[in-house]
Each structure stands twice: as C-alpha cells, then as structure tokens.
Amino acid sequence: MNNFEPNLVGFLCNWCSYAGADSAGSRKLQYPAAFKAVRVMCSGRVDPQMILKAFAEGADGVTIFGCHPGDCHYKEGNRKAESRETLLRQVLPDLGIEPERLRLEWISASEGSRFVEVVEEFYQDIKAMGPLKKRATA
C-alpha cells in the first residue's frame, strides 16, 4: 500500500477559483488536507519562478487555477497563465520534474464541486506518481 502523502500547492485567482474553493468550503465539501492554497489576484500573476520555488521547497505537485477563458477580470490574465504553463511544461523535464506534476485548470466561483473533483483527481495522480525526486546537485 502506498503511504505517500503528496504535498500539493495551488495558486488560485481571487475572483473565480478562490471563490469556488470558498464555496466548496461553505458547502462542507472536503478535499485532501495535503492541498495548500495560495491566493493570487489573477492566474496571470503567477510567475514561473513561484512554481519552481514551490517545487524546490517540497511540493510534489502544483496547480494553477484561473477564471474560464473570456471571464478574466484582467481581460487576458488567464491566457498569460496558459502560455506560461505551456512554457514551464517544456522546461520541467530539464529540471528532473515530470510535466504532469503541473496542472492548469479553469474554475469559476460557482464551481465548488468541480474544484473539489480536480483537487482530488490531482491528489490521486500525484500519489500514484510518488514523491518528487530532487535532482542531486554536483
């Protein structure tokens, strides 16, 4: 049996995804306690260095949650997040990190149930992958 408990970090946009997570909490929907939420004003403000720092400091998986395309309060923030996520997925293998350990999801304020489903699915995916093995530095 796999006793590994993944350490998950999620960057949640204030306007949609964080509100969706809050609605899940208000409805007493539960998701893994291993998930740590970081509230940001917009998914487009999540700098790739923030994601790399999360991995460096022990995250086994990182998610970015943003508003659905076309609903961003900052017009194109979620599109910026999407292009950064695409770039990071190309760079992560060079750092010894499987790209599947990074995920981008669109969650609106009314999608508390979907938020819980995504976090639970990501938790199970990362649990099956096992802990992130840090590349030895020379």
N, C-alpha and C. Protein backbone atom coordinates (compact mmCIF):
# COMPACT_ATOMS: atom_id res chain seq x y z
N MET A 1 0.85 -1.20 0.00
CA MET A 1 0.00 0.00 0.00
C MET A 1 0.88 1.24 0.00
N ASN A 2 0.44 2.25 -0.72
CA ASN A 2 1.19 3.49 -0.87
C ASN A 2 0.87 4.44 0.29
N ASN A 3 1.82 4.63 1.21
CA ASN A 3 1.61 5.52 2.36
C ASN A 3 2.03 6.95 2.07
N PHE A 4 2.52 7.19 0.88
CA PHE A 4 2.97 8.52 0.48
C PHE A 4 1.81 9.52 0.50
N GLU A 5 2.02 10.65 1.16
CA GLU A 5 1.05 11.74 1.18
C GLU A 5 1.62 12.91 0.40
N PRO A 6 1.10 13.17 -0.79
CA PRO A 6 1.66 14.25 -1.61
C PRO A 6 1.47 15.62 -0.97
N ASN A 7 2.45 16.46 -1.21
CA ASN A 7 2.38 17.86 -0.81
C ASN A 7 1.98 18.64 -2.05
N LEU A 8 0.78 19.21 -2.05
CA LEU A 8 0.25 19.92 -3.22
C LEU A 8 0.10 21.40 -2.93
N VAL A 9 0.46 22.21 -3.91
CA VAL A 9 0.30 23.66 -3.81
C VAL A 9 -0.58 24.11 -4.97
N GLY A 10 -1.54 24.96 -4.67
CA GLY A 10 -2.41 25.51 -5.70
C GLY A 10 -2.42 27.02 -5.65
N PHE A 11 -2.21 27.65 -6.80
CA PHE A 11 -2.32 29.10 -6.92
C PHE A 11 -3.71 29.39 -7.47
N LEU A 12 -4.54 30.08 -6.68
CA LEU A 12 -5.94 30.32 -7.03
C LEU A 12 -6.19 31.80 -7.27
N CYS A 13 -6.77 32.12 -8.44
CA CYS A 13 -7.11 33.52 -8.70
C CYS A 13 -8.21 33.95 -7.72
N ASN A 14 -8.11 35.16 -7.28
CA ASN A 14 -9.02 35.71 -6.28
C ASN A 14 -10.47 35.71 -6.72
N TRP A 15 -10.72 36.04 -7.98
CA TRP A 15 -12.08 36.34 -8.42
C TRP A 15 -12.93 35.13 -8.73
N CYS A 16 -12.33 34.08 -9.23
CA CYS A 16 -13.12 32.91 -9.61
C CYS A 16 -12.72 31.67 -8.81
N SER A 17 -11.50 31.23 -8.97
CA SER A 17 -11.10 29.96 -8.39
C SER A 17 -11.10 29.98 -6.87
N TYR A 18 -10.60 31.06 -6.27
CA TYR A 18 -10.60 31.14 -4.81
C TYR A 18 -12.04 31.18 -4.30
N ALA A 19 -12.89 31.89 -5.01
CA ALA A 19 -14.31 31.93 -4.64
C ALA A 19 -14.94 30.55 -4.80
N GLY A 20 -14.52 29.80 -5.83
CA GLY A 20 -15.01 28.43 -6.00
C GLY A 20 -14.57 27.53 -4.86
N ALA A 21 -13.33 27.68 -4.44
CA ALA A 21 -12.83 26.90 -3.29
C ALA A 21 -13.57 27.30 -2.03
N ASP A 22 -13.83 28.59 -1.88
CA ASP A 22 -14.57 29.07 -0.72
C ASP A 22 -15.99 28.52 -0.71
N SER A 23 -16.63 28.45 -1.88
CA SER A 23 -17.98 27.90 -1.93
C SER A 23 -17.98 26.41 -1.59
N ALA A 24 -16.90 25.71 -1.97
CA ALA A 24 -16.78 24.30 -1.60
C ALA A 24 -16.70 24.18 -0.08
N GLY A 25 -15.92 25.05 0.53
CA GLY A 25 -15.81 25.04 1.99
C GLY A 25 -17.11 25.39 2.67
N SER A 26 -17.84 26.36 2.12
CA SER A 26 -19.13 26.75 2.69
C SER A 26 -20.14 25.61 2.64
N ARG A 27 -20.00 24.77 1.60
CA ARG A 27 -20.90 23.63 1.45
C ARG A 27 -20.36 22.39 2.15
N LYS A 28 -19.25 22.55 2.89
CA LYS A 28 -18.63 21.47 3.65
C LYS A 28 -18.15 20.32 2.76
N LEU A 29 -17.77 20.66 1.52
CA LEU A 29 -17.18 19.66 0.63
C LEU A 29 -15.72 19.52 1.01
N GLN A 30 -15.25 18.31 1.09
CA GLN A 30 -13.88 18.08 1.56
C GLN A 30 -12.96 17.69 0.42
N TYR A 31 -11.74 18.16 0.53
CA TYR A 31 -10.68 17.77 -0.40
C TYR A 31 -9.44 17.48 0.45
N PRO A 32 -8.43 16.84 -0.12
CA PRO A 32 -7.28 16.43 0.66
C PRO A 32 -6.62 17.58 1.41
N ALA A 33 -6.30 17.33 2.66
CA ALA A 33 -5.64 18.33 3.50
C ALA A 33 -4.23 18.64 3.01
N ALA A 34 -3.69 17.78 2.16
CA ALA A 34 -2.35 17.98 1.61
C ALA A 34 -2.31 19.14 0.62
N PHE A 35 -3.46 19.68 0.23
CA PHE A 35 -3.54 20.77 -0.72
C PHE A 35 -3.44 22.11 0.01
N LYS A 36 -2.43 22.90 -0.36
CA LYS A 36 -2.25 24.24 0.23
C LYS A 36 -2.58 25.28 -0.82
N ALA A 37 -3.54 26.14 -0.51
CA ALA A 37 -3.99 27.17 -1.45
C ALA A 37 -3.22 28.47 -1.23
N VAL A 38 -2.79 29.06 -2.33
CA VAL A 38 -2.15 30.37 -2.32
C VAL A 38 -3.03 31.29 -3.15
N ARG A 39 -3.56 32.30 -2.51
CA ARG A 39 -4.48 33.23 -3.18
C ARG A 39 -3.67 34.30 -3.93
N VAL A 40 -3.97 34.43 -5.21
CA VAL A 40 -3.34 35.47 -6.04
C VAL A 40 -4.45 36.27 -6.70
N MET A 41 -4.16 37.49 -7.08
CA MET A 41 -5.21 38.32 -7.68
C MET A 41 -5.65 37.78 -9.03
N CYS A 42 -4.72 37.18 -9.78
CA CYS A 42 -5.03 36.68 -11.12
C CYS A 42 -4.07 35.55 -11.43
N SER A 43 -4.55 34.54 -12.13
CA SER A 43 -3.67 33.43 -12.52
C SER A 43 -2.53 33.94 -13.41
N GLY A 44 -2.75 35.04 -14.12
CA GLY A 44 -1.72 35.63 -14.94
C GLY A 44 -0.59 36.25 -14.15
N ARG A 45 -0.78 36.41 -12.86
CA ARG A 45 0.25 36.98 -12.00
C ARG A 45 1.14 35.90 -11.39
N VAL A 46 0.86 34.65 -11.68
CA VAL A 46 1.68 33.56 -11.16
C VAL A 46 2.93 33.47 -12.02
N ASP A 47 4.03 33.93 -11.47
CA ASP A 47 5.31 33.92 -12.17
C ASP A 47 5.86 32.50 -12.18
N PRO A 48 6.47 32.07 -13.27
CA PRO A 48 7.06 30.73 -13.30
C PRO A 48 8.01 30.46 -12.13
N GLN A 49 8.69 31.50 -11.65
CA GLN A 49 9.60 31.31 -10.52
C GLN A 49 8.84 30.90 -9.25
N MET A 50 7.59 31.34 -9.12
CA MET A 50 6.79 30.93 -7.96
C MET A 50 6.53 29.43 -8.01
N ILE A 51 6.29 28.92 -9.19
CA ILE A 51 6.02 27.49 -9.35
C ILE A 51 7.29 26.70 -9.09
N LEU A 52 8.40 27.16 -9.66
CA LEU A 52 9.67 26.47 -9.44
C LEU A 52 10.06 26.50 -7.96
N LYS A 53 9.77 27.60 -7.29
CA LYS A 53 10.07 27.70 -5.85
C LYS A 53 9.22 26.71 -5.07
N ALA A 54 7.96 26.57 -5.45
CA ALA A 54 7.09 25.60 -4.76
C ALA A 54 7.67 24.19 -4.88
N PHE A 55 8.10 23.84 -6.08
CA PHE A 55 8.73 22.53 -6.27
C PHE A 55 10.01 22.42 -5.45
N ALA A 56 10.83 23.45 -5.47
CA ALA A 56 12.11 23.43 -4.75
C ALA A 56 11.91 23.30 -3.25
N GLU A 57 10.79 23.83 -2.75
CA GLU A 57 10.54 23.81 -1.31
C GLU A 57 9.68 22.62 -0.87
N GLY A 58 9.50 21.64 -1.76
CA GLY A 58 8.88 20.40 -1.32
C GLY A 58 7.54 20.04 -1.92
N ALA A 59 7.01 20.84 -2.83
CA ALA A 59 5.74 20.46 -3.45
C ALA A 59 5.97 19.27 -4.39
N ASP A 60 5.06 18.32 -4.33
CA ASP A 60 5.09 17.18 -5.25
C ASP A 60 4.25 17.46 -6.49
N GLY A 61 3.36 18.43 -6.39
CA GLY A 61 2.50 18.82 -7.50
C GLY A 61 2.03 20.25 -7.30
N VAL A 62 1.87 20.97 -8.40
CA VAL A 62 1.44 22.37 -8.36
C VAL A 62 0.32 22.58 -9.37
N THR A 63 -0.73 23.25 -8.93
CA THR A 63 -1.82 23.60 -9.82
C THR A 63 -1.95 25.12 -9.88
N ILE A 64 -2.41 25.58 -11.03
CA ILE A 64 -2.77 26.98 -11.21
C ILE A 64 -4.26 26.96 -11.56
N PHE A 65 -5.04 27.67 -10.78
CA PHE A 65 -6.48 27.75 -11.03
C PHE A 65 -6.82 29.18 -11.45
N GLY A 66 -7.52 29.31 -12.56
CA GLY A 66 -7.89 30.63 -13.05
C GLY A 66 -9.33 30.68 -13.51
N CYS A 67 -9.75 31.88 -13.89
CA CYS A 67 -11.08 32.08 -14.45
C CYS A 67 -11.16 31.41 -15.81
N HIS A 68 -12.34 31.04 -16.20
CA HIS A 68 -12.53 30.47 -17.54
C HIS A 68 -12.13 31.51 -18.59
N PRO A 69 -11.57 31.05 -19.72
CA PRO A 69 -11.22 31.99 -20.80
C PRO A 69 -12.43 32.85 -21.17
N GLY A 70 -12.17 34.14 -21.29
CA GLY A 70 -13.23 35.09 -21.59
C GLY A 70 -13.84 35.71 -20.35
N ASP A 71 -13.56 35.13 -19.17
CA ASP A 71 -14.13 35.65 -17.92
C ASP A 71 -13.10 36.31 -17.01
N CYS A 72 -11.88 36.44 -17.46
CA CYS A 72 -10.82 37.01 -16.62
C CYS A 72 -11.14 38.46 -16.26
N HIS A 73 -11.03 38.79 -14.99
CA HIS A 73 -11.27 40.15 -14.54
C HIS A 73 -10.20 41.12 -15.04
N TYR A 74 -9.08 40.57 -15.49
CA TYR A 74 -7.99 41.39 -16.00
C TYR A 74 -7.81 41.16 -17.50
N LYS A 75 -8.89 40.82 -18.16
CA LYS A 75 -9.02 40.61 -19.60
C LYS A 75 -8.26 39.40 -20.14
N GLU A 76 -6.93 39.38 -20.05
CA GLU A 76 -6.13 38.32 -20.66
C GLU A 76 -5.23 37.60 -19.68
N GLY A 77 -5.45 37.76 -18.39
CA GLY A 77 -4.59 37.13 -17.38
C GLY A 77 -4.54 35.62 -17.50
N ASN A 78 -5.70 35.01 -17.73
CA ASN A 78 -5.71 33.54 -17.81
C ASN A 78 -4.99 33.07 -19.08
N ARG A 79 -5.01 33.84 -20.13
CA ARG A 79 -4.27 33.48 -21.35
C ARG A 79 -2.76 33.55 -21.09
N LYS A 80 -2.36 34.54 -20.29
CA LYS A 80 -0.95 34.64 -19.91
C LYS A 80 -0.55 33.43 -19.08
N ALA A 81 -1.41 33.03 -18.15
CA ALA A 81 -1.13 31.84 -17.33
C ALA A 81 -1.00 30.61 -18.21
N GLU A 82 -1.85 30.52 -19.21
CA GLU A 82 -1.82 29.37 -20.11
C GLU A 82 -0.51 29.30 -20.90
N SER A 83 -0.04 30.43 -21.38
CA SER A 83 1.21 30.41 -22.14
C SER A 83 2.40 30.11 -21.23
N ARG A 84 2.36 30.60 -19.99
CA ARG A 84 3.44 30.30 -19.04
C ARG A 84 3.44 28.82 -18.68
N GLU A 85 2.27 28.26 -18.50
CA GLU A 85 2.17 26.83 -18.17
C GLU A 85 2.72 25.99 -19.31
N THR A 86 2.42 26.36 -20.54
CA THR A 86 2.95 25.64 -21.70
C THR A 86 4.48 25.70 -21.72
N LEU A 87 5.03 26.86 -21.47
CA LEU A 87 6.49 27.02 -21.43
C LEU A 87 7.10 26.19 -20.30
N LEU A 88 6.50 26.26 -19.13
CA LEU A 88 7.03 25.50 -17.99
C LEU A 88 7.02 24.00 -18.25
N ARG A 89 5.97 23.51 -18.90
CA ARG A 89 5.90 22.07 -19.20
C ARG A 89 7.07 21.64 -20.09
N GLN A 90 7.59 22.54 -20.88
CA GLN A 90 8.74 22.23 -21.73
C GLN A 90 10.05 22.24 -20.94
N VAL A 91 10.12 23.08 -19.91
CA VAL A 91 11.34 23.26 -19.12
C VAL A 91 11.45 22.24 -17.98
N LEU A 92 10.33 21.85 -17.39
CA LEU A 92 10.36 20.98 -16.22
C LEU A 92 11.18 19.70 -16.38
N PRO A 93 11.07 18.99 -17.51
CA PRO A 93 11.88 17.77 -17.64
C PRO A 93 13.39 18.03 -17.51
N ASP A 94 13.85 19.19 -17.97
CA ASP A 94 15.27 19.53 -17.84
C ASP A 94 15.67 19.71 -16.37
N LEU A 95 14.69 19.95 -15.53
CA LEU A 95 14.93 20.11 -14.09
C LEU A 95 14.65 18.83 -13.32
N GLY A 96 14.33 17.77 -14.04
CA GLY A 96 14.05 16.50 -13.39
C GLY A 96 12.64 16.39 -12.82
N ILE A 97 11.72 17.20 -13.34
CA ILE A 97 10.34 17.22 -12.85
C ILE A 97 9.41 16.81 -13.98
N GLU A 98 8.60 15.80 -13.73
CA GLU A 98 7.64 15.37 -14.75
C GLU A 98 6.62 16.48 -14.99
N PRO A 99 6.34 16.79 -16.26
CA PRO A 99 5.38 17.86 -16.57
C PRO A 99 3.99 17.60 -15.99
N GLU A 100 3.64 16.34 -15.76
CA GLU A 100 2.33 16.01 -15.21
C GLU A 100 2.16 16.48 -13.77
N ARG A 101 3.23 16.93 -13.16
CA ARG A 101 3.16 17.45 -11.79
C ARG A 101 2.69 18.91 -11.76
N LEU A 102 2.49 19.48 -12.94
CA LEU A 102 1.96 20.84 -13.06
C LEU A 102 0.65 20.77 -13.81
N ARG A 103 -0.35 21.45 -13.30
CA ARG A 103 -1.66 21.43 -13.94
C ARG A 103 -2.27 22.82 -13.91
N LEU A 104 -2.99 23.14 -14.98
CA LEU A 104 -3.72 24.40 -15.09
C LEU A 104 -5.19 24.06 -15.27
N GLU A 105 -6.05 24.69 -14.47
CA GLU A 105 -7.49 24.42 -14.52
C GLU A 105 -8.27 25.72 -14.45
N TRP A 106 -9.41 25.73 -15.13
CA TRP A 106 -10.31 26.88 -15.08
C TRP A 106 -11.47 26.51 -14.15
N ILE A 107 -11.66 27.30 -13.10
CA ILE A 107 -12.72 27.07 -12.12
C ILE A 107 -13.41 28.40 -11.84
N SER A 108 -14.73 28.44 -11.99
CA SER A 108 -15.47 29.67 -11.69
C SER A 108 -15.93 29.66 -10.23
N ALA A 109 -16.45 30.79 -9.80
CA ALA A 109 -16.90 30.93 -8.42
C ALA A 109 -18.03 29.97 -8.08
N SER A 110 -18.80 29.56 -9.07
CA SER A 110 -19.94 28.66 -8.83
C SER A 110 -19.57 27.18 -8.93
N GLU A 111 -18.30 26.89 -9.16
CA GLU A 111 -17.89 25.51 -9.39
C GLU A 111 -17.13 24.89 -8.21
N GLY A 112 -17.68 25.04 -7.03
CA GLY A 112 -17.07 24.46 -5.84
C GLY A 112 -16.92 22.95 -5.94
N SER A 113 -17.93 22.28 -6.44
CA SER A 113 -17.86 20.82 -6.59
C SER A 113 -16.78 20.43 -7.59
N ARG A 114 -16.69 21.16 -8.67
CA ARG A 114 -15.65 20.88 -9.66
C ARG A 114 -14.26 21.10 -9.08
N PHE A 115 -14.10 22.16 -8.27
CA PHE A 115 -12.83 22.42 -7.62
C PHE A 115 -12.40 21.21 -6.79
N VAL A 116 -13.32 20.69 -6.01
CA VAL A 116 -13.02 19.52 -5.17
C VAL A 116 -12.66 18.32 -6.02
N GLU A 117 -13.38 18.10 -7.10
CA GLU A 117 -13.09 16.98 -8.00
C GLU A 117 -11.68 17.10 -8.60
N VAL A 118 -11.31 18.29 -9.03
CA VAL A 118 -10.00 18.50 -9.64
C VAL A 118 -8.89 18.26 -8.62
N VAL A 119 -9.04 18.81 -7.42
CA VAL A 119 -8.02 18.64 -6.39
C VAL A 119 -7.89 17.16 -6.03
N GLU A 120 -9.00 16.47 -5.87
CA GLU A 120 -8.97 15.05 -5.52
C GLU A 120 -8.31 14.24 -6.64
N GLU A 121 -8.65 14.53 -7.89
CA GLU A 121 -8.04 13.82 -9.02
C GLU A 121 -6.54 14.07 -9.08
N PHE A 122 -6.14 15.32 -8.89
CA PHE A 122 -4.72 15.66 -8.92
C PHE A 122 -3.99 14.97 -7.78
N TYR A 123 -4.59 14.95 -6.62
CA TYR A 123 -4.02 14.26 -5.45
C TYR A 123 -3.77 12.79 -5.78
N GLN A 124 -4.77 12.13 -6.36
CA GLN A 124 -4.63 10.71 -6.70
C GLN A 124 -3.56 10.50 -7.78
N ASP A 125 -3.51 11.39 -8.76
CA ASP A 125 -2.49 11.28 -9.82
C ASP A 125 -1.08 11.41 -9.23
N ILE A 126 -0.88 12.40 -8.37
CA ILE A 126 0.44 12.62 -7.79
C ILE A 126 0.79 11.50 -6.81
N LYS A 127 -0.19 11.03 -6.07
CA LYS A 127 0.04 9.90 -5.15
C LYS A 127 0.53 8.68 -5.93
N ALA A 128 -0.07 8.43 -7.09
CA ALA A 128 0.34 7.29 -7.92
C ALA A 128 1.75 7.49 -8.49
N MET A 129 2.12 8.74 -8.76
CA MET A 129 3.46 9.01 -9.28
C MET A 129 4.54 8.87 -8.22
N GLY A 130 4.16 9.09 -6.98
CA GLY A 130 5.13 9.04 -5.88
C GLY A 130 5.76 10.40 -5.65
N PRO A 131 6.63 10.48 -4.66
CA PRO A 131 7.24 11.77 -4.33
C PRO A 131 8.13 12.29 -5.44
N LEU A 132 8.23 13.59 -5.51
CA LEU A 132 9.13 14.22 -6.47
C LEU A 132 10.55 13.94 -6.01
N LYS A 133 11.32 13.36 -6.87
CA LYS A 133 12.71 13.07 -6.54
C LYS A 133 13.55 14.26 -6.96
N LYS A 134 14.19 14.86 -6.00
CA LYS A 134 15.02 16.03 -6.28
C LYS A 134 16.29 15.59 -6.99
N ARG A 135 16.64 16.31 -8.02
CA ARG A 135 17.86 16.02 -8.75
C ARG A 135 19.06 16.40 -7.87
N ALA A 136 20.01 15.49 -7.78
CA ALA A 136 21.21 15.75 -6.98
C ALA A 136 22.02 16.87 -7.63
N THR A 137 22.51 17.77 -6.83
CA THR A 137 23.34 18.86 -7.36
C THR A 137 24.79 18.49 -7.20
N ALA A 138 25.60 18.85 -8.19
CA ALA A 138 27.03 18.49 -8.16
C ALA A 138 27.83 19.55 -7.46
